[in-house]
Amino acid sequence: MAILEIKNLTKSFGDNEILKGIDLQVNKGDVVSILGPSGSGKTTLLRCINFLEKPDSGILSFDGIDHDLSQITKNDIAAIRKKTGFVFQSYNLFANKTVLENVTLGLTSARKVPKKEAIEKAMDVLKKVGMDEKANQYPSQLSGGQQQRVGIARALATDPEIIYFDEPTSALDPQLTAEVLEVMRTLVDDGMTMIVVTHEMSFAKEVSSHAVFMADGVIVEEGFGKEFFENPKQARTREFLRLATN
């Protein structure tokens, strides 16, 4: 069953057309990797489907409810966001708040969860990502990998139906990248529905149920899991994967 379906999504910045009619379907339990060169529109797509950028047009269906993206209301956006989590490339943690406060904030302010309940939930998800012992530290006291794990905990705390990952390891060195990918693997094993914009080809091949290759604002090719990586149909996909895995 499709949790998320996008039809003909478009987005321009001024005269620059970034997304040129994207169609995508994500079913419950899918891990969808979005691959492509820099400037292909991957991050813009992710930001549009979580309304961090306003799409120009298209239809977005979430849990079977269709929304016209050219006239979607703030209430509809808020309702969809309550069912999603977002993990940013640059962590986006509040520097003046502790790890625990960063995770509880979305629960207590946006969702009005009682503080005691929010703290219990936050400690549960921090434990899941191996950061419970750092609960009272501040982001400046953490490595990049630890900060990103807190970002994942923050996304998990709201019990989302789907989590969007925007190049979650691009700012990290190989060792820190490995610890973040390990946390993401546990989410895959738990059956979390995920869309992952990534340059980590071996990870994408390992975990993806579905993979998408974008270039110049369009989906050039998509396919199932390992089949996509081992037998790409389009020459452009083959060339991208050859360069990305060397």
Protein backbone atom coordinates (compact mmCIF):
# COMPACT_ATOMS: atom_id res chain seq x y z
CA MET A 1 0.00 0.00 0.00
CA ALA A 2 1.35 3.43 -0.97
CA ILE A 3 2.04 5.77 1.93
CA LEU A 4 3.25 8.50 -0.42
CA GLU A 5 2.55 9.09 -4.09
CA ILE A 6 3.71 12.09 -6.10
CA LYS A 7 2.44 12.95 -9.57
CA ASN A 8 3.94 15.57 -11.90
CA LEU A 9 5.66 17.59 -9.17
CA THR A 10 7.33 20.73 -10.51
CA LYS A 11 9.52 23.38 -8.89
CA SER A 12 11.33 26.40 -10.30
CA PHE A 13 13.48 29.09 -8.71
CA GLY A 14 12.93 32.12 -10.91
CA ASP A 15 13.59 31.01 -14.49
CA ASN A 16 15.53 27.95 -13.34
CA GLU A 17 13.32 24.85 -13.58
CA ILE A 18 14.68 22.42 -10.96
CA LEU A 19 12.02 19.67 -10.98
CA LYS A 20 10.34 18.94 -14.29
CA GLY A 21 7.39 16.70 -13.46
CA ILE A 22 8.43 14.06 -10.93
CA ASP A 23 6.36 10.91 -10.33
CA LEU A 24 7.22 8.69 -7.36
CA GLN A 25 5.44 6.06 -5.28
CA VAL A 26 6.60 4.90 -1.84
CA ASN A 27 4.95 1.90 -0.18
CA LYS A 28 4.94 1.05 3.51
CA GLY A 29 8.30 -0.46 4.49
CA ASP A 30 10.10 0.76 1.36
CA VAL A 31 13.63 2.11 1.52
CA VAL A 32 13.90 4.39 -1.52
CA SER A 33 17.35 5.71 -2.42
CA ILE A 34 17.51 8.84 -4.58
CA LEU A 35 20.78 9.07 -6.46
CA GLY A 36 22.23 11.49 -8.97
CA PRO A 37 24.88 14.11 -9.62
CA SER A 38 24.98 17.41 -7.75
CA GLY A 39 22.37 19.79 -9.11
CA SER A 40 20.03 17.05 -10.32
CA GLY A 41 17.20 18.13 -7.99
CA LYS A 42 17.43 15.39 -5.35
CA THR A 43 17.44 17.62 -2.26
CA THR A 44 14.87 19.98 -3.76
CA LEU A 45 12.55 17.01 -4.29
CA LEU A 46 12.96 15.93 -0.69
CA ARG A 47 12.37 19.45 0.58
CA CYS A 48 9.29 19.87 -1.61
CA ILE A 49 7.58 16.71 -0.38
CA ASN A 50 8.09 17.84 3.20
CA PHE A 51 7.16 21.46 2.32
CA LEU A 52 10.48 22.98 3.34
CA GLU A 53 10.22 24.37 -0.19
CA LYS A 54 6.84 25.17 -1.75
CA PRO A 55 6.22 23.06 -4.87
CA ASP A 56 4.81 24.92 -7.89
CA SER A 57 2.41 22.18 -9.00
CA GLY A 58 1.60 18.50 -8.82
CA ILE A 59 -0.44 16.08 -6.75
CA LEU A 60 0.80 14.60 -3.47
CA SER A 61 -1.12 11.72 -1.96
CA PHE A 62 -0.33 10.84 1.65
CA ASP A 63 -2.14 7.92 3.32
CA GLY A 64 -4.58 7.91 0.41
CA ILE A 65 -5.55 11.59 0.67
CA ASP A 66 -4.82 13.66 -2.45
CA HIS A 67 -3.49 17.21 -2.18
CA ASP A 68 -3.13 19.70 -5.04
CA LEU A 69 0.33 21.13 -4.38
CA SER A 70 -0.44 24.45 -6.05
CA GLN A 71 -3.06 25.24 -3.42
CA ILE A 72 -2.35 23.04 -0.41
CA THR A 73 -3.32 24.66 2.91
CA LYS A 74 -1.16 25.26 5.97
CA ASN A 75 -3.39 22.88 7.94
CA ASP A 76 -2.88 20.10 5.38
CA ILE A 77 0.88 20.69 5.44
CA ALA A 78 0.92 20.52 9.24
CA ALA A 79 -1.10 17.28 9.19
CA ILE A 80 1.31 15.64 6.71
CA ARG A 81 4.40 16.83 8.59
CA LYS A 82 3.10 15.25 11.80
CA LYS A 83 3.45 11.89 10.07
CA THR A 84 6.97 12.47 8.76
CA GLY A 85 10.50 12.97 10.07
CA PHE A 86 13.39 14.79 8.38
CA VAL A 87 17.12 14.25 8.92
CA PHE A 88 19.19 17.16 7.62
CA GLN A 89 22.60 17.12 5.98
CA SER A 90 23.91 19.67 8.49
CA TYR A 91 22.20 18.25 11.63
CA ASN A 92 20.20 21.47 12.38
CA LEU A 93 20.43 21.03 16.14
CA PHE A 94 19.87 23.96 18.49
CA ALA A 95 23.32 24.88 19.84
CA ASN A 96 21.91 26.32 23.08
CA LYS A 97 19.91 23.21 23.96
CA THR A 98 21.09 19.86 25.29
CA VAL A 99 20.73 16.64 23.34
CA LEU A 100 17.65 15.77 25.39
CA GLU A 101 16.11 19.21 24.84
CA ASN A 102 16.74 19.01 21.10
CA VAL A 103 14.78 15.76 20.93
CA THR A 104 11.93 16.74 23.28
CA LEU A 105 11.30 20.17 21.76
CA GLY A 106 9.27 18.91 18.81
CA LEU A 107 7.16 16.80 21.14
CA THR A 108 6.40 19.43 23.77
CA SER A 109 6.00 22.50 21.52
CA ALA A 110 4.51 21.23 18.25
CA ARG A 111 2.58 18.26 19.62
CA LYS A 112 1.85 19.37 23.19
CA VAL A 113 3.13 16.11 24.67
CA PRO A 114 3.47 16.37 28.49
CA LYS A 115 7.09 17.00 29.48
CA LYS A 116 7.51 13.76 31.48
CA GLU A 117 6.16 11.68 28.62
CA ALA A 118 8.35 13.58 26.13
CA ILE A 119 11.48 12.92 28.19
CA GLU A 120 10.69 9.19 28.40
CA LYS A 121 10.16 9.02 24.66
CA ALA A 122 13.33 11.01 23.96
CA MET A 123 15.44 8.74 26.16
CA ASP A 124 14.01 5.69 24.38
CA VAL A 125 15.01 6.94 20.93
CA LEU A 126 18.37 8.26 22.15
CA LYS A 127 19.10 4.79 23.48
CA LYS A 128 18.14 3.34 20.12
CA VAL A 129 20.78 5.46 18.38
CA GLY A 130 23.37 4.98 21.12
CA MET A 131 23.22 8.54 22.44
CA ASP A 132 21.36 8.18 25.75
CA GLU A 133 24.56 8.70 27.75
CA LYS A 134 25.07 12.07 26.02
CA ALA A 135 21.57 13.36 26.87
CA ASN A 136 22.80 16.30 28.96
CA GLN A 137 25.58 17.40 26.63
CA TYR A 138 25.38 20.19 24.07
CA PRO A 139 25.92 19.80 20.30
CA SER A 140 29.31 21.54 20.51
CA GLN A 141 30.51 18.71 22.77
CA LEU A 142 29.65 16.04 20.17
CA SER A 143 31.30 14.75 17.02
CA GLY A 144 29.51 15.21 13.71
CA GLY A 145 28.44 11.57 13.74
CA GLN A 146 27.01 11.93 17.23
CA GLN A 147 25.14 15.08 16.23
CA GLN A 148 23.65 13.28 13.24
CA ARG A 149 22.55 10.40 15.45
CA VAL A 150 20.76 12.96 17.64
CA GLY A 151 19.15 14.28 14.46
CA ILE A 152 17.91 10.76 13.69
CA ALA A 153 16.60 10.40 17.26
CA ARG A 154 14.72 13.68 16.89
CA ALA A 155 13.09 12.39 13.70
CA LEU A 156 12.20 9.08 15.37
CA ALA A 157 10.71 10.67 18.48
CA THR A 158 7.46 11.61 16.75
CA ASP A 159 6.77 8.03 15.56
CA PRO A 160 6.75 9.05 11.89
CA GLU A 161 5.26 6.91 9.14
CA ILE A 162 8.15 7.89 6.88
CA ILE A 163 11.56 9.52 7.42
CA TYR A 164 13.34 11.64 4.81
CA PHE A 165 17.16 11.65 4.91
CA ASP A 166 18.94 14.44 3.03
CA GLU A 167 22.52 13.22 2.43
CA PRO A 168 22.89 12.41 6.14
CA THR A 169 26.58 11.47 5.91
CA SER A 170 27.93 14.00 3.40
CA ALA A 171 29.53 16.19 6.10
CA LEU A 172 31.19 13.25 7.89
CA ASP A 173 34.52 11.47 7.60
CA PRO A 174 34.48 7.71 6.82
CA GLN A 175 34.54 6.53 10.45
CA LEU A 176 31.66 8.80 11.49
CA THR A 177 29.80 7.92 8.29
CA ALA A 178 29.98 4.24 9.25
CA GLU A 179 28.39 4.83 12.68
CA VAL A 180 25.50 6.82 11.18
CA LEU A 181 24.90 4.21 8.46
CA GLU A 182 24.84 1.51 11.15
CA VAL A 183 22.03 3.36 12.94
CA MET A 184 20.16 3.66 9.65
CA ARG A 185 20.55 -0.08 9.06
CA THR A 186 18.77 -0.75 12.36
CA LEU A 187 15.86 1.39 11.15
CA VAL A 188 15.76 -0.60 7.91
CA ASP A 189 15.69 -3.82 9.94
CA ASP A 190 12.81 -2.39 11.99
CA GLY A 191 10.81 -1.83 8.80
CA MET A 192 10.92 1.97 8.83
CA THR A 193 9.78 3.55 5.57
CA MET A 194 12.58 5.81 4.33
CA ILE A 195 13.54 8.04 1.43
CA VAL A 196 17.29 8.56 1.40
CA VAL A 197 19.18 11.06 -0.77
CA THR A 198 22.71 9.69 -0.63
CA HIS A 199 26.09 9.36 -2.34
CA GLU A 200 26.85 6.18 -0.36
CA MET A 201 26.43 3.69 -3.20
CA SER A 202 27.33 0.51 -1.32
CA PHE A 203 24.88 1.39 1.46
CA ALA A 204 22.16 2.23 -1.06
CA LYS A 205 22.69 -1.07 -2.87
CA GLU A 206 22.59 -2.98 0.41
CA VAL A 207 19.40 -1.49 1.89
CA SER A 208 17.28 -0.15 -0.97
CA SER A 209 14.06 -1.84 -1.93
CA HIS A 210 13.78 0.76 -4.68
CA ALA A 211 16.29 3.16 -6.23
CA VAL A 212 15.84 6.29 -8.32
CA PHE A 213 18.42 8.00 -10.51
CA MET A 214 17.80 11.69 -11.15
CA ALA A 215 19.53 14.09 -13.53
CA ASP A 216 18.57 17.56 -14.75
CA GLY A 217 15.34 17.61 -12.75
CA VAL A 218 13.85 14.38 -14.09
CA ILE A 219 13.86 10.73 -13.07
CA VAL A 220 16.06 9.05 -15.67
CA GLU A 221 15.61 5.52 -14.30
CA GLU A 222 14.19 3.69 -11.33
CA GLY A 223 14.13 0.07 -10.33
CA PHE A 224 14.08 -2.53 -7.61
CA GLY A 225 16.98 -2.93 -5.19
CA LYS A 226 20.06 -4.75 -6.37
CA GLU A 227 18.64 -5.21 -9.88
CA PHE A 228 18.84 -1.43 -10.38
CA PHE A 229 22.51 -1.34 -9.37
CA GLU A 230 23.59 -4.49 -11.22
CA ASN A 231 21.61 -4.08 -14.46
CA PRO A 232 20.86 -0.40 -15.14
CA LYS A 233 19.02 0.10 -18.42
CA GLN A 234 19.99 3.68 -19.27
CA ALA A 235 23.49 4.64 -20.43
CA ARG A 236 23.45 7.71 -18.19
CA THR A 237 22.65 5.59 -15.14
CA ARG A 238 25.39 3.10 -16.02
CA GLU A 239 27.95 5.91 -16.34
CA PHE A 240 26.90 7.52 -13.04
CA LEU A 241 27.09 4.23 -11.15
CA ARG A 242 30.45 3.39 -12.74
CA LEU A 243 31.96 6.70 -11.62
CA ALA A 244 30.25 6.66 -8.20
CA THR A 245 31.48 3.19 -7.27
CA ASN A 246 35.11 3.60 -8.43
